[in-house]
Amino acid sequence: MAVKDPVPSRERVRRAALKLFATRGFHGTGIRDLAQEANLSSASLYHYMGTKEALLAELMRESLVSLLGSARAAVAGITDPRERLRVLVALHVTTHATQPDETRVVDNEVRSLSPESQQAVIRLRDSYETLWAEAIDDGVRSGIFHTDEPTVSRLALLEMCNGVARWYSPSGPLSLEQLSRHYATLALGALGASGSAEPAGKSP
């Protein structure tokens, strides 16, 4: 008697898409690839995913909604720009280290979407990056951060943190908490932060 797969078919499709989009790219992943990875027939695959692009857009929206919600909660009530940025960097690094497939897809596949599908994803991404921009701008206005190019600085810091998804390993020399704290220190140093903000508990 065959053992029934405990993972629902729709979730298998989602996991397969994340894995393949992250490793092969959206355009490098075919319907047969998805069906094989999800252990479904190509015909039944459409029942659980709609179009391939719709599946990509859904995965990206889910990931960004989760990240944005976590970031808003993490910085709520924090007024010191140094501490807000420290928390945002730690969250970003932690998310990219623990959810590499999701974050690779979000970071790399926006251009694979049609203009209409891009809009919702870009709005979410912009809302998230606004939290970073506000922390940096507040720090510059208050004389805590020193940069002539706050927008370029923000993009550079995000790109630096994004790279964690490509190489982080739990068996590395630093724990994830240590790594996130180190990245926060690098970010503050890049902005010429004056003074210091005591970390508010453990990294996210």
N, C-alpha and C. Protein backbone atom coordinates (compact mmCIF):
# COMPACT_ATOMS: atom_id res chain seq x y z
N MET A 1 0.84 -1.20 0.00
CA MET A 1 0.00 0.00 0.00
C MET A 1 0.88 1.25 0.00
N ALA A 2 0.61 2.15 -0.95
CA ALA A 2 1.42 3.36 -1.08
C ALA A 2 1.22 4.27 0.12
N VAL A 3 2.30 4.90 0.55
CA VAL A 3 2.23 5.84 1.66
C VAL A 3 1.88 7.22 1.11
N LYS A 4 0.86 7.83 1.66
CA LYS A 4 0.41 9.13 1.19
C LYS A 4 1.40 10.20 1.62
N ASP A 5 1.75 11.08 0.68
CA ASP A 5 2.66 12.18 0.98
C ASP A 5 1.97 13.14 1.95
N PRO A 6 2.56 13.39 3.14
CA PRO A 6 1.91 14.25 4.12
C PRO A 6 1.92 15.72 3.72
N VAL A 7 2.74 16.11 2.74
CA VAL A 7 2.81 17.51 2.32
C VAL A 7 1.77 17.75 1.23
N PRO A 8 0.85 18.69 1.43
CA PRO A 8 -0.17 18.98 0.41
C PRO A 8 0.46 19.34 -0.93
N SER A 9 -0.24 19.03 -2.00
CA SER A 9 0.30 19.25 -3.34
C SER A 9 0.66 20.71 -3.57
N ARG A 10 -0.19 21.62 -3.13
CA ARG A 10 0.09 23.04 -3.34
C ARG A 10 1.39 23.46 -2.65
N GLU A 11 1.62 22.94 -1.45
CA GLU A 11 2.85 23.27 -0.74
C GLU A 11 4.05 22.65 -1.43
N ARG A 12 3.89 21.47 -2.01
CA ARG A 12 4.99 20.85 -2.75
C ARG A 12 5.36 21.70 -3.97
N VAL A 13 4.35 22.25 -4.62
CA VAL A 13 4.59 23.12 -5.76
C VAL A 13 5.33 24.38 -5.31
N ARG A 14 4.91 24.95 -4.20
CA ARG A 14 5.55 26.15 -3.68
C ARG A 14 7.02 25.88 -3.36
N ARG A 15 7.29 24.78 -2.66
CA ARG A 15 8.67 24.44 -2.31
C ARG A 15 9.52 24.17 -3.54
N ALA A 16 8.93 23.49 -4.50
CA ALA A 16 9.66 23.19 -5.74
C ALA A 16 10.01 24.47 -6.47
N ALA A 17 9.06 25.39 -6.55
CA ALA A 17 9.28 26.65 -7.26
C ALA A 17 10.37 27.47 -6.58
N LEU A 18 10.32 27.56 -5.25
CA LEU A 18 11.34 28.31 -4.53
C LEU A 18 12.73 27.74 -4.80
N LYS A 19 12.83 26.44 -4.71
CA LYS A 19 14.13 25.78 -4.91
C LYS A 19 14.66 26.02 -6.32
N LEU A 20 13.81 25.82 -7.32
CA LEU A 20 14.26 25.90 -8.70
C LEU A 20 14.46 27.34 -9.15
N PHE A 21 13.56 28.23 -8.77
CA PHE A 21 13.74 29.64 -9.13
C PHE A 21 15.01 30.20 -8.50
N ALA A 22 15.31 29.75 -7.28
CA ALA A 22 16.50 30.25 -6.59
C ALA A 22 17.79 29.72 -7.20
N THR A 23 17.77 28.48 -7.67
CA THR A 23 19.00 27.86 -8.17
C THR A 23 19.15 27.97 -9.69
N ARG A 24 18.04 27.90 -10.42
CA ARG A 24 18.13 27.93 -11.89
C ARG A 24 17.66 29.25 -12.48
N GLY A 25 16.94 30.03 -11.68
CA GLY A 25 16.33 31.25 -12.20
C GLY A 25 14.96 30.97 -12.76
N PHE A 26 14.13 31.99 -12.85
CA PHE A 26 12.77 31.83 -13.35
C PHE A 26 12.78 31.32 -14.79
N HIS A 27 13.56 31.97 -15.65
CA HIS A 27 13.55 31.59 -17.06
C HIS A 27 14.27 30.26 -17.31
N GLY A 28 15.09 29.84 -16.37
CA GLY A 28 15.78 28.56 -16.51
C GLY A 28 14.98 27.39 -15.98
N THR A 29 13.80 27.67 -15.44
CA THR A 29 12.94 26.62 -14.87
C THR A 29 11.74 26.40 -15.77
N GLY A 30 11.59 25.17 -16.24
CA GLY A 30 10.46 24.83 -17.09
C GLY A 30 9.34 24.18 -16.30
N ILE A 31 8.20 24.08 -16.95
CA ILE A 31 7.03 23.44 -16.31
C ILE A 31 7.33 21.99 -15.96
N ARG A 32 8.02 21.29 -16.84
CA ARG A 32 8.37 19.89 -16.54
C ARG A 32 9.29 19.81 -15.34
N ASP A 33 10.20 20.77 -15.22
CA ASP A 33 11.09 20.79 -14.06
C ASP A 33 10.29 20.93 -12.77
N LEU A 34 9.35 21.87 -12.77
CA LEU A 34 8.51 22.08 -11.59
C LEU A 34 7.69 20.85 -11.26
N ALA A 35 7.10 20.26 -12.28
CA ALA A 35 6.27 19.07 -12.06
C ALA A 35 7.10 17.93 -11.49
N GLN A 36 8.27 17.71 -12.05
CA GLN A 36 9.14 16.63 -11.56
C GLN A 36 9.57 16.88 -10.12
N GLU A 37 9.97 18.12 -9.80
CA GLU A 37 10.42 18.44 -8.45
C GLU A 37 9.28 18.31 -7.45
N ALA A 38 8.05 18.65 -7.87
CA ALA A 38 6.89 18.57 -6.98
C ALA A 38 6.24 17.20 -6.98
N ASN A 39 6.75 16.29 -7.82
CA ASN A 39 6.21 14.93 -7.93
C ASN A 39 4.75 14.96 -8.37
N LEU A 40 4.48 15.78 -9.40
CA LEU A 40 3.15 15.88 -9.98
C LEU A 40 3.26 15.76 -11.49
N SER A 41 2.15 15.50 -12.14
CA SER A 41 2.14 15.51 -13.60
C SER A 41 2.08 16.97 -14.06
N SER A 42 2.56 17.20 -15.29
CA SER A 42 2.52 18.57 -15.82
C SER A 42 1.09 19.08 -15.91
N ALA A 43 0.16 18.20 -16.22
CA ALA A 43 -1.24 18.61 -16.36
C ALA A 43 -1.82 19.05 -15.02
N SER A 44 -1.55 18.28 -13.97
CA SER A 44 -2.11 18.62 -12.66
C SER A 44 -1.40 19.80 -12.02
N LEU A 45 -0.19 20.11 -12.47
CA LEU A 45 0.57 21.21 -11.89
C LEU A 45 -0.19 22.53 -12.01
N TYR A 46 -0.82 22.76 -13.15
CA TYR A 46 -1.52 24.02 -13.36
C TYR A 46 -2.68 24.21 -12.39
N HIS A 47 -3.23 23.12 -11.91
CA HIS A 47 -4.32 23.21 -10.95
C HIS A 47 -3.88 23.86 -9.65
N TYR A 48 -2.61 23.69 -9.32
CA TYR A 48 -2.10 24.20 -8.04
C TYR A 48 -1.31 25.50 -8.18
N MET A 49 -0.96 25.89 -9.40
CA MET A 49 -0.10 27.06 -9.52
C MET A 49 -0.61 28.14 -10.46
N GLY A 50 -1.60 27.87 -11.30
CA GLY A 50 -1.96 28.84 -12.31
C GLY A 50 -0.83 28.96 -13.32
N THR A 51 -0.41 30.17 -13.63
CA THR A 51 0.73 30.35 -14.53
C THR A 51 2.03 30.37 -13.72
N LYS A 52 3.13 30.16 -14.41
CA LYS A 52 4.43 30.19 -13.74
C LYS A 52 4.71 31.58 -13.19
N GLU A 53 4.35 32.60 -13.95
CA GLU A 53 4.59 33.97 -13.50
C GLU A 53 3.73 34.30 -12.27
N ALA A 54 2.49 33.84 -12.26
CA ALA A 54 1.62 34.09 -11.11
C ALA A 54 2.20 33.45 -9.86
N LEU A 55 2.78 32.27 -10.02
CA LEU A 55 3.41 31.58 -8.89
C LEU A 55 4.61 32.38 -8.39
N LEU A 56 5.44 32.87 -9.31
CA LEU A 56 6.60 33.68 -8.92
C LEU A 56 6.15 34.93 -8.17
N ALA A 57 5.16 35.62 -8.70
CA ALA A 57 4.68 36.86 -8.07
C ALA A 57 4.13 36.58 -6.67
N GLU A 58 3.42 35.49 -6.52
CA GLU A 58 2.86 35.12 -5.22
C GLU A 58 3.97 34.85 -4.20
N LEU A 59 4.99 34.11 -4.62
CA LEU A 59 6.10 33.81 -3.72
C LEU A 59 6.82 35.08 -3.29
N MET A 60 7.02 35.99 -4.21
CA MET A 60 7.71 37.24 -3.90
C MET A 60 6.89 38.11 -2.96
N ARG A 61 5.59 38.19 -3.21
CA ARG A 61 4.73 39.00 -2.34
C ARG A 61 4.70 38.42 -0.93
N GLU A 62 4.57 37.12 -0.81
CA GLU A 62 4.54 36.48 0.51
C GLU A 62 5.81 36.78 1.29
N SER A 63 6.94 36.66 0.63
CA SER A 63 8.22 36.88 1.29
C SER A 63 8.36 38.33 1.75
N LEU A 64 7.99 39.27 0.88
CA LEU A 64 8.13 40.69 1.20
C LEU A 64 7.14 41.13 2.27
N VAL A 65 5.93 40.62 2.24
CA VAL A 65 4.95 40.96 3.28
C VAL A 65 5.46 40.51 4.64
N SER A 66 6.03 39.31 4.70
CA SER A 66 6.58 38.80 5.96
C SER A 66 7.74 39.65 6.44
N LEU A 67 8.66 39.98 5.53
CA LEU A 67 9.84 40.78 5.89
C LEU A 67 9.43 42.18 6.34
N LEU A 68 8.52 42.79 5.61
CA LEU A 68 8.07 44.14 5.96
C LEU A 68 7.39 44.16 7.32
N GLY A 69 6.53 43.18 7.58
CA GLY A 69 5.87 43.11 8.88
C GLY A 69 6.84 42.93 10.01
N SER A 70 7.83 42.07 9.81
CA SER A 70 8.84 41.84 10.85
C SER A 70 9.67 43.09 11.09
N ALA A 71 10.02 43.80 10.01
CA ALA A 71 10.83 45.00 10.15
C ALA A 71 10.08 46.11 10.87
N ARG A 72 8.82 46.30 10.52
CA ARG A 72 8.03 47.34 11.19
C ARG A 72 7.90 47.05 12.68
N ALA A 73 7.66 45.80 13.00
CA ALA A 73 7.53 45.44 14.41
C ALA A 73 8.85 45.61 15.14
N ALA A 74 9.95 45.30 14.47
CA ALA A 74 11.27 45.34 15.11
C ALA A 74 11.71 46.76 15.45
N VAL A 75 11.34 47.73 14.61
CA VAL A 75 11.81 49.11 14.84
C VAL A 75 10.77 49.97 15.54
N ALA A 76 9.60 49.42 15.79
CA ALA A 76 8.54 50.21 16.43
C ALA A 76 9.02 50.76 17.77
N GLY A 77 8.89 52.06 17.95
CA GLY A 77 9.24 52.69 19.21
C GLY A 77 10.71 53.01 19.38
N ILE A 78 11.56 52.65 18.41
CA ILE A 78 12.99 52.94 18.52
C ILE A 78 13.26 54.29 17.86
N THR A 79 13.76 55.24 18.62
CA THR A 79 14.00 56.58 18.10
C THR A 79 15.44 56.80 17.66
N ASP A 80 16.39 56.12 18.27
CA ASP A 80 17.80 56.30 17.92
C ASP A 80 18.07 55.70 16.53
N PRO A 81 18.49 56.53 15.56
CA PRO A 81 18.73 56.01 14.21
C PRO A 81 19.76 54.89 14.16
N ARG A 82 20.78 54.94 15.04
CA ARG A 82 21.79 53.89 15.07
C ARG A 82 21.17 52.56 15.44
N GLU A 83 20.31 52.57 16.46
CA GLU A 83 19.69 51.33 16.91
C GLU A 83 18.68 50.82 15.89
N ARG A 84 17.94 51.73 15.26
CA ARG A 84 17.00 51.30 14.21
C ARG A 84 17.74 50.63 13.06
N LEU A 85 18.86 51.24 12.64
CA LEU A 85 19.61 50.64 11.54
C LEU A 85 20.23 49.32 11.97
N ARG A 86 20.74 49.26 13.20
CA ARG A 86 21.31 48.02 13.70
C ARG A 86 20.28 46.89 13.66
N VAL A 87 19.07 47.19 14.09
CA VAL A 87 18.00 46.19 14.10
C VAL A 87 17.63 45.78 12.68
N LEU A 88 17.54 46.74 11.77
CA LEU A 88 17.18 46.42 10.39
C LEU A 88 18.25 45.56 9.72
N VAL A 89 19.51 45.89 9.95
CA VAL A 89 20.59 45.10 9.37
C VAL A 89 20.58 43.68 9.93
N ALA A 90 20.42 43.56 11.24
CA ALA A 90 20.41 42.24 11.86
C ALA A 90 19.25 41.39 11.33
N LEU A 91 18.08 42.00 11.19
CA LEU A 91 16.93 41.27 10.65
C LEU A 91 17.17 40.85 9.21
N HIS A 92 17.72 41.75 8.41
CA HIS A 92 17.96 41.46 7.00
C HIS A 92 18.97 40.32 6.85
N VAL A 93 20.05 40.39 7.61
CA VAL A 93 21.07 39.34 7.55
C VAL A 93 20.49 38.00 8.01
N THR A 94 19.76 38.02 9.10
CA THR A 94 19.18 36.79 9.62
C THR A 94 18.21 36.17 8.63
N THR A 95 17.37 37.00 8.01
CA THR A 95 16.40 36.50 7.04
C THR A 95 17.10 35.90 5.83
N HIS A 96 18.14 36.57 5.34
CA HIS A 96 18.85 36.05 4.17
C HIS A 96 19.63 34.77 4.49
N ALA A 97 20.07 34.65 5.73
CA ALA A 97 20.81 33.45 6.12
C ALA A 97 19.89 32.25 6.31
N THR A 98 18.71 32.48 6.85
CA THR A 98 17.80 31.38 7.18
C THR A 98 16.78 31.08 6.09
N GLN A 99 16.58 32.01 5.17
CA GLN A 99 15.63 31.82 4.08
C GLN A 99 16.30 32.16 2.75
N PRO A 100 17.38 31.48 2.42
CA PRO A 100 18.15 31.86 1.23
C PRO A 100 17.37 31.73 -0.08
N ASP A 101 16.54 30.70 -0.21
CA ASP A 101 15.80 30.55 -1.46
C ASP A 101 14.81 31.69 -1.65
N GLU A 102 14.05 31.99 -0.60
CA GLU A 102 13.06 33.06 -0.70
C GLU A 102 13.72 34.39 -1.03
N THR A 103 14.81 34.70 -0.33
CA THR A 103 15.43 36.00 -0.54
C THR A 103 16.15 36.09 -1.88
N ARG A 104 16.72 35.00 -2.35
CA ARG A 104 17.35 35.03 -3.67
C ARG A 104 16.31 35.32 -4.75
N VAL A 105 15.14 34.69 -4.62
CA VAL A 105 14.08 34.91 -5.60
C VAL A 105 13.63 36.37 -5.57
N VAL A 106 13.42 36.91 -4.39
CA VAL A 106 12.99 38.31 -4.28
C VAL A 106 14.06 39.25 -4.82
N ASP A 107 15.31 38.99 -4.48
CA ASP A 107 16.40 39.89 -4.87
C ASP A 107 16.73 39.83 -6.36
N ASN A 108 16.50 38.66 -6.98
CA ASN A 108 17.02 38.47 -8.34
C ASN A 108 15.98 38.39 -9.45
N GLU A 109 14.71 38.19 -9.12
CA GLU A 109 13.76 37.85 -10.17
C GLU A 109 12.68 38.91 -10.45
N VAL A 110 12.83 40.11 -9.93
CA VAL A 110 11.81 41.15 -10.19
C VAL A 110 11.67 41.40 -11.68
N ARG A 111 12.77 41.43 -12.40
CA ARG A 111 12.72 41.71 -13.83
C ARG A 111 12.05 40.60 -14.63
N SER A 112 11.87 39.45 -14.03
CA SER A 112 11.21 38.34 -14.73
C SER A 112 9.70 38.52 -14.78
N LEU A 113 9.18 39.43 -13.96
CA LEU A 113 7.73 39.68 -13.92
C LEU A 113 7.33 40.67 -15.00
N SER A 114 6.10 40.56 -15.44
CA SER A 114 5.54 41.55 -16.36
C SER A 114 5.37 42.87 -15.61
N PRO A 115 5.31 43.99 -16.32
CA PRO A 115 5.14 45.29 -15.65
C PRO A 115 3.97 45.32 -14.67
N GLU A 116 2.87 44.71 -15.03
CA GLU A 116 1.70 44.72 -14.14
C GLU A 116 1.99 43.96 -12.85
N SER A 117 2.63 42.80 -12.97
CA SER A 117 2.93 42.00 -11.79
C SER A 117 4.03 42.63 -10.95
N GLN A 118 4.91 43.36 -11.60
CA GLN A 118 6.00 44.01 -10.89
C GLN A 118 5.50 45.05 -9.89
N GLN A 119 4.44 45.75 -10.23
CA GLN A 119 4.00 46.90 -9.44
C GLN A 119 3.78 46.56 -7.98
N ALA A 120 3.03 45.48 -7.71
CA ALA A 120 2.73 45.12 -6.33
C ALA A 120 3.99 44.72 -5.58
N VAL A 121 4.88 44.00 -6.26
CA VAL A 121 6.13 43.57 -5.63
C VAL A 121 7.02 44.76 -5.33
N ILE A 122 7.13 45.67 -6.28
CA ILE A 122 7.99 46.85 -6.10
C ILE A 122 7.45 47.75 -5.00
N ARG A 123 6.14 47.87 -4.89
CA ARG A 123 5.57 48.68 -3.80
C ARG A 123 5.95 48.12 -2.44
N LEU A 124 5.88 46.81 -2.30
CA LEU A 124 6.27 46.18 -1.04
C LEU A 124 7.76 46.36 -0.77
N ARG A 125 8.56 46.16 -1.78
CA ARG A 125 10.00 46.33 -1.62
C ARG A 125 10.34 47.77 -1.24
N ASP A 126 9.67 48.72 -1.89
CA ASP A 126 9.93 50.13 -1.58
C ASP A 126 9.49 50.49 -0.17
N SER A 127 8.39 49.91 0.29
CA SER A 127 7.93 50.16 1.66
C SER A 127 8.95 49.65 2.67
N TYR A 128 9.53 48.50 2.36
CA TYR A 128 10.55 47.95 3.25
C TYR A 128 11.80 48.83 3.24
N GLU A 129 12.26 49.21 2.07
CA GLU A 129 13.48 50.01 1.98
C GLU A 129 13.28 51.42 2.55
N THR A 130 12.03 51.88 2.60
CA THR A 130 11.74 53.18 3.21
C THR A 130 12.13 53.18 4.68
N LEU A 131 11.97 52.05 5.36
CA LEU A 131 12.37 51.96 6.77
C LEU A 131 13.87 52.22 6.91
N TRP A 132 14.65 51.68 5.99
CA TRP A 132 16.10 51.92 5.98
C TRP A 132 16.38 53.39 5.66
N ALA A 133 15.70 53.91 4.66
CA ALA A 133 15.94 55.29 4.25
C ALA A 133 15.62 56.26 5.39
N GLU A 134 14.53 56.01 6.10
CA GLU A 134 14.15 56.89 7.20
C GLU A 134 15.19 56.87 8.32
N ALA A 135 15.69 55.68 8.63
CA ALA A 135 16.71 55.57 9.68
C ALA A 135 17.98 56.32 9.28
N ILE A 136 18.41 56.16 8.03
CA ILE A 136 19.61 56.83 7.57
C ILE A 136 19.41 58.34 7.50
N ASP A 137 18.28 58.77 6.95
CA ASP A 137 18.00 60.21 6.84
C ASP A 137 17.91 60.86 8.22
N ASP A 138 17.27 60.19 9.15
CA ASP A 138 17.18 60.74 10.51
C ASP A 138 18.57 60.86 11.14
N GLY A 139 19.41 59.87 10.88
CA GLY A 139 20.75 59.91 11.41
C GLY A 139 21.58 61.03 10.82
N VAL A 140 21.41 61.28 9.52
CA VAL A 140 22.14 62.36 8.86
C VAL A 140 21.67 63.71 9.40
N ARG A 141 20.36 63.88 9.53
CA ARG A 141 19.82 65.15 10.01
C ARG A 141 20.26 65.46 11.43
N SER A 142 20.39 64.44 12.24
CA SER A 142 20.77 64.64 13.64
C SER A 142 22.28 64.66 13.84
N GLY A 143 23.04 64.49 12.77
CA GLY A 143 24.49 64.53 12.87
C GLY A 143 25.12 63.25 13.38
N ILE A 144 24.34 62.18 13.45
CA ILE A 144 24.85 60.89 13.92
C ILE A 144 25.52 60.13 12.77
N PHE A 145 24.92 60.18 11.58
CA PHE A 145 25.50 59.56 10.39
C PHE A 145 26.11 60.64 9.52
N HIS A 146 27.14 60.25 8.79
CA HIS A 146 27.84 61.20 7.94
C HIS A 146 28.02 60.59 6.55
N THR A 147 27.15 60.98 5.64
CA THR A 147 27.26 60.52 4.25
C THR A 147 26.66 61.59 3.35
N ASP A 148 27.33 61.87 2.23
CA ASP A 148 26.82 62.82 1.26
C ASP A 148 25.83 62.17 0.31
N GLU A 149 25.78 60.84 0.32
CA GLU A 149 24.92 60.11 -0.60
C GLU A 149 24.11 59.06 0.18
N PRO A 150 23.09 59.47 0.90
CA PRO A 150 22.33 58.51 1.71
C PRO A 150 21.64 57.42 0.89
N THR A 151 21.17 57.76 -0.30
CA THR A 151 20.50 56.74 -1.12
C THR A 151 21.48 55.69 -1.59
N VAL A 152 22.63 56.12 -2.08
CA VAL A 152 23.66 55.17 -2.52
C VAL A 152 24.15 54.34 -1.34
N SER A 153 24.29 54.97 -0.19
CA SER A 153 24.73 54.25 1.00
C SER A 153 23.73 53.16 1.37
N ARG A 154 22.44 53.49 1.31
CA ARG A 154 21.41 52.50 1.62
C ARG A 154 21.47 51.32 0.67
N LEU A 155 21.57 51.60 -0.63
CA LEU A 155 21.62 50.53 -1.62
C LEU A 155 22.86 49.66 -1.43
N ALA A 156 23.98 50.28 -1.09
CA ALA A 156 25.21 49.53 -0.88
C ALA A 156 25.10 48.62 0.34
N LEU A 157 24.49 49.13 1.40
CA LEU A 157 24.33 48.31 2.60
C LEU A 157 23.39 47.14 2.36
N LEU A 158 22.30 47.38 1.65
CA LEU A 158 21.36 46.30 1.34
C LEU A 158 22.04 45.24 0.48
N GLU A 159 22.82 45.67 -0.50
CA GLU A 159 23.52 44.71 -1.36
C GLU A 159 24.51 43.89 -0.55
N MET A 160 25.20 44.55 0.38
CA MET A 160 26.15 43.84 1.24
C MET A 160 25.44 42.75 2.04
N CYS A 161 24.30 43.09 2.61
CA CYS A 161 23.55 42.13 3.43
C CYS A 161 22.93 41.03 2.58
N ASN A 162 22.50 41.36 1.37
CA ASN A 162 21.90 40.36 0.49
C ASN A 162 22.85 39.20 0.21
N GLY A 163 24.13 39.49 0.16
CA GLY A 163 25.10 38.47 -0.19
C GLY A 163 25.18 37.32 0.79
N VAL A 164 24.68 37.51 2.00
CA VAL A 164 24.71 36.45 3.01
C VAL A 164 23.99 35.20 2.51
N ALA A 165 22.93 35.40 1.73
CA ALA A 165 22.15 34.26 1.22
C ALA A 165 22.99 33.34 0.34
N ARG A 166 24.06 33.86 -0.23
CA ARG A 166 24.87 33.06 -1.16
C ARG A 166 25.92 32.22 -0.47
N TRP A 167 26.34 32.61 0.75
CA TRP A 167 27.47 31.89 1.33
C TRP A 167 27.31 31.47 2.78
N TYR A 168 26.28 31.94 3.47
CA TYR A 168 26.18 31.62 4.90
C TYR A 168 26.01 30.12 5.13
N SER A 169 26.71 29.63 6.16
CA SER A 169 26.57 28.24 6.58
C SER A 169 26.54 28.20 8.11
N PRO A 170 25.62 27.44 8.69
CA PRO A 170 25.57 27.32 10.15
C PRO A 170 26.86 26.77 10.75
N SER A 171 27.65 26.10 9.93
CA SER A 171 28.91 25.52 10.42
C SER A 171 30.08 26.49 10.32
N GLY A 172 29.81 27.73 9.94
CA GLY A 172 30.86 28.73 9.82
C GLY A 172 31.42 29.15 11.16
N PRO A 173 32.44 30.01 11.17
CA PRO A 173 33.12 30.38 12.41
C PRO A 173 32.29 31.27 13.33
N LEU A 174 31.28 31.97 12.79
CA LEU A 174 30.45 32.85 13.59
C LEU A 174 29.03 32.30 13.70
N SER A 175 28.44 32.46 14.87
CA SER A 175 27.02 32.15 15.00
C SER A 175 26.23 33.18 14.21
N LEU A 176 24.98 32.89 13.94
CA LEU A 176 24.16 33.83 13.19
C LEU A 176 24.00 35.15 13.94
N GLU A 177 23.88 35.08 15.25
CA GLU A 177 23.77 36.29 16.04
C GLU A 177 25.06 37.11 15.94
N GLN A 178 26.20 36.44 16.05
CA GLN A 178 27.47 37.14 15.93
C GLN A 178 27.63 37.77 14.55
N LEU A 179 27.22 37.03 13.53
CA LEU A 179 27.33 37.54 12.16
C LEU A 179 26.45 38.77 11.97
N SER A 180 25.22 38.71 12.45
CA SER A 180 24.32 39.85 12.26
C SER A 180 24.82 41.07 13.01
N ARG A 181 25.40 40.87 14.19
CA ARG A 181 25.96 41.99 14.94
C ARG A 181 27.17 42.59 14.22
N HIS A 182 27.99 41.72 13.63
CA HIS A 182 29.15 42.21 12.91
C HIS A 182 28.73 43.04 11.70
N TYR A 183 27.73 42.57 10.99
CA TYR A 183 27.23 43.32 9.84
C TYR A 183 26.65 44.66 10.27
N ALA A 184 25.98 44.69 11.40
CA ALA A 184 25.45 45.96 11.91
C ALA A 184 26.59 46.92 12.21
N THR A 185 27.67 46.40 12.78
CA THR A 185 28.84 47.24 13.06
C THR A 185 29.44 47.78 11.77
N LEU A 186 29.53 46.93 10.74
CA LEU A 186 30.04 47.37 9.44
C LEU A 186 29.17 48.47 8.86
N ALA A 187 27.85 48.31 8.97
CA ALA A 187 26.92 49.29 8.42
C ALA A 187 27.06 50.64 9.11
N LEU A 188 27.12 50.61 10.43
CA LEU A 188 27.27 51.85 11.17
C LEU A 188 28.61 52.52 10.85
N GLY A 189 29.65 51.72 10.71
CA GLY A 189 30.95 52.27 10.36
C GLY A 189 30.94 52.90 8.97
N ALA A 190 30.24 52.27 8.03
CA ALA A 190 30.16 52.80 6.67
C ALA A 190 29.47 54.16 6.63
N LEU A 191 28.58 54.38 7.59
CA LEU A 191 27.86 55.65 7.67
C LEU A 191 28.55 56.65 8.58
N GLY A 192 29.73 56.30 9.07
CA GLY A 192 30.48 57.20 9.94
C GLY A 192 29.73 57.53 11.21
N ALA A 193 29.06 56.53 11.78
CA ALA A 193 28.21 56.77 12.96
C ALA A 193 29.03 57.32 14.11
N SER A 194 28.50 58.37 14.73
CA SER A 194 29.13 58.94 15.92
C SER A 194 28.44 58.42 17.16
N GLY A 195 29.20 58.24 18.24
CA GLY A 195 28.60 57.69 19.46
C GLY A 195 28.29 56.24 19.28
N SER A 196 27.53 55.66 20.18
CA SER A 196 27.16 54.25 20.08
C SER A 196 25.79 54.05 20.65
N ALA A 197 25.11 53.09 20.10
CA ALA A 197 23.79 52.71 20.61
C ALA A 197 23.89 51.33 21.19
N GLU A 198 23.44 51.17 22.43
CA GLU A 198 23.49 49.85 23.05
C GLU A 198 22.45 48.95 22.40
N PRO A 199 22.84 47.73 21.96
CA PRO A 199 21.88 46.81 21.38
C PRO A 199 20.72 46.54 22.31
N ALA A 200 19.53 46.57 21.76
CA ALA A 200 18.34 46.31 22.56
C ALA A 200 18.06 44.82 22.57
N GLY A 201 18.76 44.08 23.43
CA GLY A 201 18.56 42.63 23.51
C GLY A 201 19.28 41.93 22.38
N LYS A 202 18.86 40.73 22.11
CA LYS A 202 19.52 39.93 21.09
C LYS A 202 19.10 40.38 19.71
N SER A 203 19.93 40.03 18.73
CA SER A 203 19.60 40.32 17.36
C SER A 203 18.34 39.61 16.96
N PRO A 204 17.56 40.20 16.02
CA PRO A 204 16.32 39.53 15.61
C PRO A 204 16.60 38.17 15.03
